[in-house]
Amino acid sequence: MEYRIKLCEERDLPVLIELCAKHAAYEQAVYDAQNKEKLLKAALFGDKPQLHCLVAEVDDEVIGYASFTFDYSTWSAASFLHLDCLFLDECYRGYGIGEAMILRIKEIAQANGCSNIQWQTPVFNERAIKFYKRIGGQGKDKVRFTMAV
């Protein structure tokens, strides 16, 4: 299967939002698309982008995305790349696209002097866990908390 991985462009935002909704449903989470285009546009394309995003295309159609930020680890005393989301439409899984996206993310992390890449997946997402272990990811058992502000 031929595919292309590129930086997300403003014209990709409507499809990105649809993929975010599918991703949330897959992870059994609530997603509200209201106002997301405006917010993502500001985060991705503002003067000081807070978020970065790659998209995967097949036949000029966006079929997946990987979003990430740069952060700093006190323990490592170094920057790291936080992979916020990696998602491919279900019918495009198993073709090496996800691994290619991870390799591109790894190149970006190296180019930005990051010590590592960090990410998470729900414990019930056994397919993703198997994939991440196969490509060299190492799991750490933790409980993630969120707090509304």
Protein backbone atom coordinates (compact mmCIF):
# COMPACT_ATOMS: atom_id res chain seq x y z
CA MET A 1 0.00 0.00 0.00
CA GLU A 2 1.37 3.39 -0.94
CA TYR A 3 1.10 6.09 1.69
CA ARG A 4 2.65 9.42 2.54
CA ILE A 5 3.49 10.90 5.94
CA LYS A 6 3.56 14.68 6.12
CA LEU A 7 3.14 17.53 8.54
CA CYS A 8 -0.49 18.37 9.22
CA GLU A 9 -1.75 21.36 7.26
CA GLU A 10 -4.66 23.66 8.09
CA ARG A 11 -6.74 22.03 5.36
CA ASP A 12 -6.36 18.70 7.22
CA LEU A 13 -8.09 19.95 10.39
CA PRO A 14 -11.65 18.77 9.59
CA VAL A 15 -10.41 15.22 8.96
CA LEU A 16 -8.11 15.39 11.99
CA ILE A 17 -11.13 16.19 14.15
CA GLU A 18 -13.03 13.23 12.70
CA LEU A 19 -10.05 10.96 13.42
CA CYS A 20 -9.85 12.32 16.99
CA ALA A 21 -13.50 11.35 17.48
CA LYS A 22 -12.82 7.84 16.14
CA HIS A 23 -9.74 7.58 18.35
CA ALA A 24 -11.72 8.60 21.44
CA ALA A 25 -14.45 6.06 20.63
CA TYR A 26 -11.80 3.36 20.16
CA GLU A 27 -10.36 4.21 23.58
CA GLN A 28 -13.85 4.32 25.11
CA ALA A 29 -13.53 8.01 25.93
CA VAL A 30 -15.86 10.97 25.52
CA TYR A 31 -15.06 13.45 22.75
CA ASP A 32 -16.72 16.76 22.02
CA ALA A 33 -15.76 18.18 18.60
CA GLN A 34 -17.27 21.58 19.41
CA ASN A 35 -14.77 24.41 18.79
CA LYS A 36 -11.92 21.93 18.16
CA GLU A 37 -11.01 23.31 14.73
CA LYS A 38 -10.39 26.78 16.14
CA LEU A 39 -8.46 25.44 19.13
CA LEU A 40 -6.35 23.01 17.12
CA LYS A 41 -5.62 25.67 14.52
CA ALA A 42 -4.24 27.94 17.25
CA ALA A 43 -2.24 25.12 18.89
CA LEU A 44 -0.76 23.80 15.64
CA PHE A 45 -0.38 26.91 13.51
CA GLY A 46 -0.13 29.84 15.92
CA ASP A 47 2.97 32.01 16.42
CA LYS A 48 4.34 29.58 19.02
CA PRO A 49 2.90 26.14 18.25
CA GLN A 50 2.09 24.12 21.36
CA LEU A 51 1.29 20.98 19.39
CA HIS A 52 2.84 19.26 16.39
CA CYS A 53 1.14 16.73 14.17
CA LEU A 54 1.95 14.34 11.36
CA VAL A 55 -0.76 12.87 9.17
CA ALA A 56 -0.69 9.77 6.99
CA GLU A 57 -2.35 9.90 3.58
CA VAL A 58 -3.44 7.22 1.16
CA ASP A 59 -4.61 8.47 -2.24
CA ASP A 60 -4.52 12.06 -0.89
CA GLU A 61 -6.94 11.11 1.92
CA VAL A 62 -5.84 11.58 5.54
CA ILE A 63 -6.20 8.18 7.23
CA GLY A 64 -4.24 8.67 10.45
CA TYR A 65 -2.34 11.06 12.66
CA ALA A 66 0.38 11.29 15.28
CA SER A 67 0.39 14.35 17.52
CA PHE A 68 3.19 15.28 19.89
CA THR A 69 4.65 17.93 22.14
CA PHE A 70 8.08 18.59 23.58
CA ASP A 71 8.44 18.46 27.35
CA TYR A 72 11.16 18.31 30.00
CA SER A 73 11.93 15.56 32.50
CA THR A 74 13.21 16.49 35.93
CA TRP A 75 14.55 12.98 36.52
CA SER A 76 16.42 12.85 33.22
CA ALA A 77 17.27 16.57 33.27
CA ALA A 78 16.56 16.46 29.55
CA SER A 79 13.88 17.20 26.98
CA PHE A 80 11.65 14.43 25.70
CA LEU A 81 9.03 14.07 23.02
CA HIS A 82 5.58 13.24 24.32
CA LEU A 83 3.58 11.28 21.75
CA ASP A 84 0.08 12.40 22.61
CA CYS A 85 -1.85 10.41 20.02
CA LEU A 86 -1.17 7.84 17.34
CA PHE A 87 -4.20 6.65 15.44
CA LEU A 88 -4.91 5.03 12.09
CA ASP A 89 -8.31 4.28 10.65
CA GLU A 90 -8.87 0.61 11.35
CA CYS A 91 -8.76 -0.54 7.72
CA TYR A 92 -5.23 0.89 7.34
CA ARG A 93 -3.66 -0.94 10.29
CA GLY A 94 -1.18 -3.71 9.63
CA TYR A 95 0.48 -2.11 6.58
CA GLY A 96 3.50 -0.61 8.38
CA ILE A 97 2.09 2.93 8.41
CA GLY A 98 2.06 3.19 12.21
CA GLU A 99 5.63 1.98 12.45
CA ALA A 100 6.69 4.46 9.75
CA MET A 101 5.01 7.24 11.73
CA ILE A 102 6.86 6.18 14.88
CA LEU A 103 10.16 6.18 12.97
CA ARG A 104 9.44 9.71 11.74
CA ILE A 105 8.61 10.76 15.32
CA LYS A 106 11.91 9.22 16.45
CA GLU A 107 13.79 11.25 13.81
CA ILE A 108 12.06 14.42 15.01
CA ALA A 109 12.94 13.62 18.63
CA GLN A 110 16.59 13.04 17.72
CA ALA A 111 16.74 16.25 15.66
CA ASN A 112 15.39 18.18 18.68
CA GLY A 113 17.84 16.72 21.19
CA CYS A 114 15.26 14.66 23.06
CA SER A 115 16.48 11.92 25.41
CA ASN A 116 13.45 9.70 24.72
CA ILE A 117 9.87 9.43 23.53
CA GLN A 118 7.09 8.85 26.04
CA TRP A 119 3.48 7.81 25.44
CA GLN A 120 0.66 5.79 26.91
CA THR A 121 -2.16 3.54 25.84
CA PRO A 122 -5.09 2.05 27.75
CA VAL A 123 -4.38 -1.33 29.36
CA PHE A 124 -7.19 -2.92 27.33
CA ASN A 125 -5.60 -1.90 24.00
CA GLU A 126 -3.72 -5.17 23.65
CA ARG A 127 -3.08 -4.72 19.93
CA ALA A 128 -1.33 -1.38 20.52
CA ILE A 129 0.65 -2.78 23.46
CA LYS A 130 1.86 -5.67 21.30
CA PHE A 131 2.79 -3.21 18.51
CA TYR A 132 4.66 -0.87 20.86
CA LYS A 133 6.63 -3.76 22.40
CA ARG A 134 7.48 -5.10 18.93
CA ILE A 135 9.01 -1.77 17.88
CA GLY A 136 11.09 -1.49 21.07
CA GLY A 137 8.79 0.36 23.46
CA GLN A 138 9.05 -0.50 27.14
CA GLY A 139 6.00 -0.30 29.36
CA LYS A 140 5.90 1.22 32.83
CA ASP A 141 2.98 0.52 35.10
CA LYS A 142 1.51 3.76 36.35
CA VAL A 143 -1.93 5.18 36.90
CA ARG A 144 -2.68 8.33 34.94
CA PHE A 145 -4.72 10.98 36.69
CA THR A 146 -6.48 14.05 35.37
CA MET A 147 -7.98 16.94 37.27
CA ALA A 148 -10.33 19.50 35.80
CA VAL A 149 -9.35 23.12 36.36
